[in-house]
Amino acid sequence: MAAVVIASAWALRFAHSPMVFWVGVTLAVVLGWFFANWKRISITLLNRFGFFLVLVAAVRIGIVVVIIVPRTDLRFSAGNGEVKPDIFWIVLDGHGRSDEIKRNLGVDNSSFVKELENSGMTVRTDSVANYCHTVQSVGSALNLAPAQIPNPEIAAYTINRPRLVSALRAQGYKSIAVRTGFPAFRFEGFDLVYGSSDESALFEGVLLDGFPIASSTEGESRFEARRTQLRSGLKTLQYLIEPTTKPRFIFAHILAPHPPFVFDATGAPVRLEGAFNFSDGSDYITDEKARIRYREGFAGQLKWVDSQVELVIREIKRRQKRPTILIVMGDHGSKLCNDQENLEQTDVQELFPILFAYSLLPGMGAPKGRTPLEILGDIFDDVLGYPFAIRAKESWFSPKSNLRDLTDVTDRVR
């Protein structure tokens, strides 16, 4: 009787459907009866041994049916109560679309695109950002609504307490954020946060840069801290690959290839001339020498981060047992020809086309549109099982000094 109870509890713990449960219970009853009547079964020792081998084989088949099959052949179906997928969403800050990277920076990253495709991901060739600044781009994506939406219910959510996290939590998801130093990102609304927002480091860096007392050693320590943050963020993603009992929404903001440039293409540390800061576009490129440094630094750091993301994706595909949705995207493009305040002095065709790749699950439709708010809207409406996203096909430019001063540049971006 004890054997029946224990085995039945075991079947209940691991069963993922009624059929699997009853298979487990049947095996438990047979096993219990056999041991209860072992001494009364009038068969020879050899026949007992043969029966035991058959029993072992049956138990092994039961293990496959009850445990292994449900955990390796999980299918996704939105909103029907089946096993929910883990969601890995990686944002690479400043990562443009492959064709524009080649046109503007002279960098061929087609091997990265091919690696993504070989891993089963769809890489869009038409994707463009809704916004040109990180706070707007990431904030609107996490809330699945335009940044300037007037609805007070949606406006109550923020980049650090996004409504997508609340919606996923209501469906049993645990939300995890990985930060790599962007000061505005604290992500208090997530269940678990890895990494530092680096607000104090940025403030101290600004102060040190403003005083002649700042030494090269102090400057180098900030570059090394930046390297550590980026490495740690990517290692954290690999650490988080192992599935857990609850489905997880894992959002990682990797502050690369965006400045400051601290790695070359091989991953070796670099420190280009100039002070440590997070400036981009015209704030970084103040003269022709700075333009050359930007092109060189961006190209190297882009190659490095691409290689690291390849490793992460390869490990996710190899080690994940739970169904997994994977999204890798840029928030805006490079800013070699971007005036942070002046649209007319900005190459919008460099600024808005972005990397956007995804790997979805059987039963999910192909996302329509070309902007994050369109593509992500289709993906997460499918995940949640009901209309949630507010889509936008537009691309808006805004000066850094006034993010609310939006100009529609949709027709100028290909």
Protein backbone atom coordinates (compact mmCIF):
# COMPACT_ATOMS: atom_id res chain seq x y z
CA MET A 1 0.00 0.00 0.00
CA ALA A 2 2.82 2.40 0.84
CA ALA A 3 4.38 1.73 -2.56
CA VAL A 4 1.08 2.53 -4.30
CA VAL A 5 0.67 5.81 -2.39
CA ILE A 6 4.26 6.93 -3.04
CA ALA A 7 4.17 6.00 -6.72
CA SER A 8 0.77 7.65 -7.21
CA ALA A 9 2.03 10.85 -5.60
CA TRP A 10 5.05 10.69 -7.89
CA ALA A 11 2.77 10.36 -10.94
CA LEU A 12 0.66 13.31 -9.77
CA ARG A 13 3.76 15.46 -9.27
CA PHE A 14 5.11 14.96 -12.78
CA ALA A 15 1.97 14.39 -14.84
CA HIS A 16 1.17 17.06 -17.42
CA SER A 17 -2.09 15.58 -18.76
CA PRO A 18 -4.86 13.17 -17.56
CA MET A 19 -3.51 10.40 -19.79
CA VAL A 20 -0.04 10.68 -18.34
CA PHE A 21 -1.46 10.70 -14.80
CA TRP A 22 -3.43 7.47 -15.29
CA VAL A 23 -0.45 5.75 -16.91
CA GLY A 24 1.53 6.61 -13.79
CA VAL A 25 -1.21 5.40 -11.44
CA THR A 26 -1.59 2.11 -13.34
CA LEU A 27 2.13 1.46 -13.07
CA ALA A 28 1.93 2.28 -9.35
CA VAL A 29 -0.90 -0.23 -8.76
CA VAL A 30 0.86 -3.00 -10.68
CA LEU A 31 4.08 -2.33 -8.81
CA GLY A 32 2.30 -2.35 -5.43
CA TRP A 33 0.38 -5.57 -6.17
CA PHE A 34 3.54 -7.34 -7.31
CA PHE A 35 5.50 -6.57 -4.16
CA ALA A 36 2.50 -7.34 -1.91
CA ASN A 37 2.12 -10.81 -3.45
CA TRP A 38 5.76 -11.58 -4.11
CA LYS A 39 5.98 -14.52 -1.74
CA ARG A 40 2.65 -16.02 -2.83
CA ILE A 41 3.48 -16.10 -6.54
CA SER A 42 4.27 -19.78 -7.28
CA ILE A 43 6.90 -19.34 -9.96
CA THR A 44 10.49 -20.39 -10.15
CA LEU A 45 13.37 -18.11 -9.26
CA LEU A 46 14.26 -17.82 -12.92
CA ASN A 47 10.72 -16.80 -13.85
CA ARG A 48 10.75 -14.30 -10.99
CA PHE A 49 13.94 -12.85 -12.43
CA GLY A 50 12.39 -12.65 -15.89
CA PHE A 51 9.29 -11.01 -14.48
CA PHE A 52 11.48 -8.53 -12.63
CA LEU A 53 13.25 -7.57 -15.89
CA VAL A 54 9.90 -7.00 -17.57
CA LEU A 55 8.82 -4.88 -14.61
CA VAL A 56 12.00 -2.78 -14.83
CA ALA A 57 11.39 -2.22 -18.52
CA ALA A 58 7.80 -1.16 -17.82
CA VAL A 59 8.94 1.30 -15.15
CA ARG A 60 11.49 2.79 -17.56
CA ILE A 61 8.79 3.21 -20.20
CA GLY A 62 6.62 4.86 -17.54
CA ILE A 63 9.38 7.30 -16.69
CA VAL A 64 9.67 8.26 -20.37
CA VAL A 65 5.90 8.74 -20.69
CA VAL A 66 5.41 10.58 -17.40
CA ILE A 67 8.54 12.72 -17.12
CA ILE A 68 10.73 12.93 -20.19
CA VAL A 69 8.14 13.29 -22.97
CA PRO A 70 6.18 16.12 -21.33
CA ARG A 71 9.40 18.05 -20.66
CA THR A 72 11.02 17.71 -24.07
CA ASP A 73 8.01 17.88 -26.38
CA LEU A 74 6.12 20.82 -24.91
CA ARG A 75 3.87 22.71 -27.25
CA PHE A 76 2.73 26.28 -26.89
CA SER A 77 -0.83 27.40 -27.36
CA ALA A 78 -1.76 30.91 -26.25
CA GLY A 79 -4.25 31.23 -23.44
CA ASN A 80 -5.28 27.57 -23.16
CA GLY A 81 -3.56 26.70 -19.89
CA GLU A 82 -0.79 24.57 -21.41
CA VAL A 83 2.84 24.96 -20.39
CA LYS A 84 3.88 28.58 -20.79
CA PRO A 85 7.17 29.40 -22.50
CA ASP A 86 10.16 31.17 -21.04
CA ILE A 87 10.76 34.50 -22.77
CA PHE A 88 14.29 35.83 -23.32
CA TRP A 89 14.32 39.40 -24.62
CA ILE A 90 17.75 40.97 -25.25
CA VAL A 91 18.15 44.64 -26.21
CA LEU A 92 21.54 45.61 -27.65
CA ASP A 93 21.84 49.36 -27.22
CA GLY A 94 22.63 51.13 -30.47
CA HIS A 95 22.64 48.00 -32.64
CA GLY A 96 21.52 48.98 -36.10
CA ARG A 97 20.31 46.88 -39.01
CA SER A 98 22.96 44.94 -40.88
CA ASP A 99 22.69 46.85 -44.18
CA GLU A 100 22.95 50.24 -42.47
CA ILE A 101 25.87 49.12 -40.31
CA LYS A 102 27.75 48.26 -43.48
CA ARG A 103 26.75 51.48 -45.24
CA ASN A 104 27.60 53.84 -42.40
CA LEU A 105 30.42 52.12 -40.52
CA GLY A 106 31.89 49.88 -43.19
CA VAL A 107 31.35 46.82 -40.98
CA ASP A 108 30.14 43.54 -42.43
CA ASN A 109 28.30 41.61 -39.70
CA SER A 110 26.57 39.21 -42.09
CA SER A 111 28.20 36.28 -40.24
CA PHE A 112 26.25 37.31 -37.12
CA VAL A 113 23.00 37.46 -39.08
CA LYS A 114 23.73 34.05 -40.59
CA GLU A 115 24.44 32.60 -37.13
CA LEU A 116 21.08 33.89 -35.86
CA GLU A 117 19.30 32.38 -38.84
CA ASN A 118 21.12 29.07 -38.44
CA SER A 119 19.90 28.93 -34.85
CA GLY A 120 16.32 29.11 -36.10
CA MET A 121 15.72 32.83 -35.66
CA THR A 122 14.00 35.12 -38.13
CA VAL A 123 16.10 38.23 -38.82
CA ARG A 124 14.08 41.11 -40.20
CA THR A 125 15.51 43.12 -43.09
CA ASP A 126 12.97 45.94 -42.80
CA SER A 127 12.90 46.67 -39.05
CA VAL A 128 12.99 50.30 -37.89
CA ALA A 129 12.76 51.88 -34.45
CA ASN A 130 9.78 53.85 -33.21
CA TYR A 131 12.08 56.28 -31.37
CA CYS A 132 15.70 57.40 -31.53
CA HIS A 133 16.53 57.56 -27.80
CA THR A 134 16.90 54.59 -25.45
CA VAL A 135 14.48 55.74 -22.74
CA GLN A 136 11.64 56.20 -25.23
CA SER A 137 12.44 53.12 -27.28
CA VAL A 138 12.80 50.67 -24.40
CA GLY A 139 10.07 52.31 -22.31
CA SER A 140 7.48 52.10 -25.08
CA ALA A 141 8.48 48.52 -25.91
CA LEU A 142 8.15 47.30 -22.30
CA ASN A 143 4.76 48.99 -21.99
CA LEU A 144 3.71 47.94 -25.50
CA ALA A 145 2.33 51.41 -26.10
CA PRO A 146 3.65 54.63 -27.65
CA ALA A 147 5.59 56.78 -25.19
CA GLN A 148 3.25 59.73 -25.77
CA ILE A 149 0.02 57.76 -25.23
CA PRO A 150 -2.52 60.01 -23.41
CA ASN A 151 -4.46 57.18 -21.70
CA PRO A 152 -4.05 57.83 -17.93
CA GLU A 153 -4.21 54.13 -17.07
CA ILE A 154 -1.25 53.39 -19.33
CA ALA A 155 0.57 56.60 -18.40
CA ALA A 156 0.62 55.36 -14.79
CA TYR A 157 3.13 52.71 -15.82
CA THR A 158 6.79 53.60 -16.31
CA ILE A 159 9.91 52.20 -17.88
CA ASN A 160 10.89 50.74 -14.49
CA ARG A 161 7.41 49.44 -13.64
CA PRO A 162 6.11 48.41 -17.07
CA ARG A 163 2.61 47.15 -17.70
CA LEU A 164 3.86 44.14 -19.69
CA VAL A 165 5.46 42.80 -16.51
CA SER A 166 2.17 43.21 -14.65
CA ALA A 167 0.25 41.41 -17.40
CA LEU A 168 2.71 38.50 -17.48
CA ARG A 169 2.76 38.25 -13.68
CA ALA A 170 -1.02 37.81 -13.74
CA GLN A 171 -0.42 34.71 -15.86
CA GLY A 172 2.12 33.18 -13.51
CA TYR A 173 5.34 34.61 -14.87
CA LYS A 174 8.35 35.59 -12.80
CA SER A 175 10.02 38.68 -14.25
CA ILE A 176 13.80 39.10 -14.25
CA ALA A 177 15.77 42.13 -15.47
CA VAL A 178 19.46 42.29 -16.33
CA ARG A 179 21.06 45.75 -16.25
CA THR A 180 24.49 46.73 -17.52
CA GLY A 181 24.86 50.30 -16.35
CA PHE A 182 22.26 52.52 -18.03
CA PRO A 183 21.47 55.08 -15.31
CA ALA A 184 17.73 55.41 -15.99
CA PHE A 185 17.05 51.69 -15.67
CA ARG A 186 16.26 50.52 -12.13
CA PHE A 187 13.44 48.09 -12.96
CA GLU A 188 11.81 48.08 -9.51
CA GLY A 189 8.68 46.53 -11.02
CA PHE A 190 10.52 43.28 -11.83
CA ASP A 191 10.64 40.38 -9.37
CA LEU A 192 14.42 40.06 -9.59
CA VAL A 193 17.07 42.46 -10.90
CA TYR A 194 20.69 41.65 -11.75
CA GLY A 195 23.37 44.28 -12.29
CA SER A 196 23.82 47.92 -11.42
CA SER A 197 22.18 51.03 -12.85
CA ASP A 198 25.54 52.74 -12.31
CA GLU A 199 24.00 56.10 -11.38
CA SER A 200 26.69 56.86 -8.80
CA ALA A 201 29.49 55.76 -11.12
CA LEU A 202 28.18 58.03 -13.87
CA PHE A 203 27.85 61.01 -11.50
CA GLU A 204 31.33 60.49 -10.10
CA GLY A 205 32.67 60.15 -13.62
CA VAL A 206 31.18 63.48 -14.67
CA LEU A 207 32.73 65.16 -11.62
CA LEU A 208 36.14 63.61 -12.20
CA ASP A 209 36.12 64.57 -15.86
CA GLY A 210 35.49 68.16 -14.84
CA PHE A 211 38.54 68.44 -12.58
CA PRO A 212 42.21 68.36 -13.57
CA ILE A 213 42.88 66.16 -10.51
CA ALA A 214 41.40 63.14 -12.35
CA SER A 215 44.27 60.73 -13.02
CA SER A 216 44.64 58.15 -15.75
CA THR A 217 44.34 55.43 -13.09
CA GLU A 218 40.96 56.76 -11.95
CA GLY A 219 39.82 56.99 -15.57
CA GLU A 220 40.95 53.47 -16.35
CA SER A 221 39.08 52.09 -13.34
CA ARG A 222 35.83 53.34 -14.85
CA PHE A 223 36.62 51.74 -18.21
CA GLU A 224 37.38 48.46 -16.45
CA ALA A 225 34.17 48.72 -14.42
CA ARG A 226 32.31 49.12 -17.73
CA ARG A 227 33.93 45.96 -19.09
CA THR A 228 32.97 44.07 -15.95
CA GLN A 229 29.35 45.21 -16.22
CA LEU A 230 29.04 44.06 -19.82
CA ARG A 231 30.72 40.72 -19.19
CA SER A 232 28.59 40.14 -16.08
CA GLY A 233 25.35 40.94 -17.90
CA LEU A 234 26.10 38.42 -20.63
CA LYS A 235 27.23 35.77 -18.13
CA THR A 236 24.05 36.34 -16.14
CA LEU A 237 22.01 35.49 -19.22
CA GLN A 238 23.82 32.17 -19.49
CA TYR A 239 23.26 31.53 -15.79
CA LEU A 240 19.52 32.12 -16.26
CA ILE A 241 19.15 29.59 -19.06
CA GLU A 242 18.35 26.65 -16.78
CA PRO A 243 14.54 26.38 -16.59
CA THR A 244 12.59 26.66 -13.35
CA THR A 245 9.16 25.46 -12.25
CA LYS A 246 7.56 28.83 -13.08
CA PRO A 247 7.73 30.45 -16.53
CA ARG A 248 10.06 33.44 -16.68
CA PHE A 249 10.17 36.72 -18.54
CA ILE A 250 13.85 37.64 -18.79
CA PHE A 251 14.63 41.13 -20.09
CA ALA A 252 18.26 42.16 -20.59
CA HIS A 253 19.50 45.59 -21.61
CA ILE A 254 23.09 45.25 -22.83
CA LEU A 255 24.68 48.71 -23.15
CA ALA A 256 26.69 47.84 -26.26
CA PRO A 257 27.74 48.54 -28.95
CA HIS A 258 26.79 51.99 -27.59
CA PRO A 259 29.68 54.13 -26.22
CA PRO A 260 31.82 54.10 -24.18
CA PHE A 261 33.92 51.75 -26.29
CA VAL A 262 35.82 49.35 -24.06
CA PHE A 263 36.29 46.21 -26.20
CA ASP A 264 37.79 45.60 -29.60
CA ALA A 265 36.47 42.95 -31.98
CA THR A 266 38.44 40.19 -30.27
CA GLY A 267 37.29 41.11 -26.77
CA ALA A 268 40.60 42.71 -25.83
CA PRO A 269 40.26 45.82 -23.64
CA VAL A 270 40.63 49.17 -25.39
CA ARG A 271 40.62 52.73 -24.22
CA LEU A 272 40.26 55.29 -26.95
CA GLU A 273 41.40 58.87 -26.47
CA GLY A 274 39.01 61.00 -24.48
CA ALA A 275 37.14 60.95 -21.18
CA PHE A 276 34.85 58.18 -20.02
CA ASN A 277 31.19 59.02 -20.68
CA PHE A 278 28.01 57.64 -22.23
CA SER A 279 27.70 60.38 -24.86
CA ASP A 280 26.58 59.47 -28.36
CA GLY A 281 26.04 61.22 -31.68
CA SER A 282 27.01 64.88 -31.81
CA ASP A 283 27.71 64.87 -28.05
CA TYR A 284 30.54 62.41 -28.76
CA ILE A 285 31.63 63.53 -32.22
CA THR A 286 32.93 67.03 -31.65
CA ASP A 287 35.58 67.00 -34.39
CA GLU A 288 36.93 64.81 -37.18
CA LYS A 289 39.29 62.91 -34.88
CA ALA A 290 36.36 62.01 -32.67
CA ARG A 291 34.45 60.84 -35.74
CA ILE A 292 37.30 58.47 -36.62
CA ARG A 293 37.43 57.19 -33.02
CA TYR A 294 33.68 56.63 -33.03
CA ARG A 295 33.75 54.61 -36.24
CA GLU A 296 36.69 52.53 -35.01
CA GLY A 297 35.33 52.02 -31.50
CA PHE A 298 31.79 51.21 -32.59
CA ALA A 299 32.96 48.68 -35.18
CA GLY A 300 35.10 46.80 -32.67
CA GLN A 301 32.56 46.76 -29.86
CA LEU A 302 29.79 45.70 -32.25
CA LYS A 303 31.81 42.70 -33.42
CA TRP A 304 32.55 41.73 -29.82
CA VAL A 305 28.98 41.97 -28.55
CA ASP A 306 27.71 40.08 -31.62
CA SER A 307 30.09 37.22 -30.82
CA GLN A 308 28.95 37.14 -27.19
CA VAL A 309 25.26 37.12 -28.11
CA GLU A 310 25.94 34.24 -30.51
CA LEU A 311 27.26 32.24 -27.54
CA VAL A 312 24.23 33.08 -25.39
CA ILE A 313 21.77 32.09 -28.10
CA ARG A 314 23.65 28.88 -28.81
CA GLU A 315 23.48 27.95 -25.13
CA ILE A 316 19.79 28.82 -24.87
CA LYS A 317 19.02 26.57 -27.82
CA ARG A 318 21.17 23.76 -26.43
CA ARG A 319 20.18 23.79 -22.77
CA GLN A 320 16.60 25.01 -22.56
CA LYS A 321 14.03 22.30 -21.84
CA ARG A 322 11.00 24.56 -21.54
CA PRO A 323 9.56 26.09 -24.74
CA THR A 324 11.33 29.39 -25.32
CA ILE A 325 10.56 32.61 -27.14
CA LEU A 326 13.72 34.51 -28.00
CA ILE A 327 13.91 38.16 -29.06
CA VAL A 328 17.09 40.09 -29.91
CA MET A 329 16.79 43.71 -31.01
CA GLY A 330 18.39 47.13 -31.09
CA ASP A 331 16.72 50.19 -29.60
CA HIS A 332 18.13 52.60 -32.21
CA GLY A 333 20.94 52.56 -34.73
CA SER A 334 24.45 54.01 -34.59
CA LYS A 335 24.78 57.81 -34.42
CA LEU A 336 27.81 58.63 -36.53
CA CYS A 337 25.76 61.17 -38.50
CA ASN A 338 23.31 62.20 -35.80
CA ASP A 339 22.87 65.67 -34.40
CA GLN A 340 21.22 65.06 -31.03
CA GLU A 341 19.29 68.34 -31.31
CA ASN A 342 18.78 68.95 -35.03
CA LEU A 343 16.76 66.68 -37.32
CA GLU A 344 18.02 68.40 -40.46
CA GLN A 345 21.60 67.54 -39.51
CA THR A 346 20.73 63.89 -38.85
CA ASP A 347 20.86 60.87 -41.13
CA VAL A 348 17.60 59.17 -40.14
CA GLN A 349 18.44 56.22 -42.36
CA GLU A 350 21.37 55.44 -40.06
CA LEU A 351 19.52 56.26 -36.86
CA PHE A 352 16.25 54.30 -37.16
CA PRO A 353 16.90 50.94 -38.92
CA ILE A 354 17.58 48.40 -36.14
CA LEU A 355 18.46 44.78 -35.56
CA PHE A 356 15.34 42.73 -34.92
CA ALA A 357 15.40 38.92 -34.68
CA TYR A 358 13.07 36.45 -33.02
CA SER A 359 12.44 32.77 -32.53
CA LEU A 360 8.83 31.90 -31.79
CA LEU A 361 6.90 28.68 -31.15
CA PRO A 362 4.66 26.41 -33.21
CA GLY A 363 1.18 27.84 -33.37
CA MET A 364 2.29 31.48 -33.18
CA GLY A 365 1.60 33.61 -36.23
CA ALA A 366 4.29 35.58 -38.07
CA PRO A 367 4.41 39.15 -36.69
CA LYS A 368 3.30 41.89 -39.06
CA GLY A 369 4.64 45.42 -39.42
CA ARG A 370 8.24 46.60 -39.11
CA THR A 371 8.49 48.59 -35.87
CA PRO A 372 8.96 47.18 -32.34
CA LEU A 373 5.47 48.28 -31.29
CA GLU A 374 4.02 46.34 -34.22
CA ILE A 375 6.21 43.22 -34.07
CA LEU A 376 6.27 42.94 -30.28
CA GLY A 377 2.56 43.69 -30.19
CA ASP A 378 1.79 40.62 -32.28
CA ILE A 379 4.16 38.42 -30.26
CA PHE A 380 2.88 39.36 -26.81
CA ASP A 381 -0.79 39.44 -27.78
CA ASP A 382 -0.23 35.82 -28.80
CA VAL A 383 1.55 35.02 -25.53
CA LEU A 384 -1.08 36.67 -23.33
CA GLY A 385 -3.98 35.29 -25.33
CA TYR A 386 -5.86 38.58 -25.62
CA PRO A 387 -5.45 42.04 -27.26
CA PHE A 388 -3.02 43.95 -25.06
CA ALA A 389 -0.58 45.95 -27.18
CA ILE A 390 -1.16 49.39 -28.63
CA ARG A 391 0.65 49.35 -31.95
CA ALA A 392 2.35 52.19 -33.79
CA LYS A 393 3.92 52.06 -37.23
CA GLU A 394 5.46 55.53 -36.98
CA SER A 395 9.08 56.51 -36.38
CA TRP A 396 9.56 59.72 -34.40
CA PHE A 397 12.63 61.92 -34.02
CA SER A 398 13.03 64.08 -30.93
CA PRO A 399 15.87 66.28 -29.71
CA LYS A 400 17.73 65.00 -26.68
CA SER A 401 16.91 68.17 -24.74
CA ASN A 402 13.15 67.73 -25.24
CA LEU A 403 12.04 64.14 -25.79
CA ARG A 404 8.39 65.18 -26.06
CA ASP A 405 9.05 67.32 -29.14
CA LEU A 406 8.32 64.54 -31.63
CA THR A 407 8.59 64.79 -35.42
CA ASP A 408 7.18 62.00 -37.57
CA VAL A 409 9.91 60.76 -39.93
CA THR A 410 8.21 57.52 -41.01
CA ASP A 411 8.20 58.40 -44.70
CA ARG A 412 11.92 59.18 -44.61
CA VAL A 413 13.00 55.83 -43.19
CA ARG A 414 13.31 52.67 -45.29
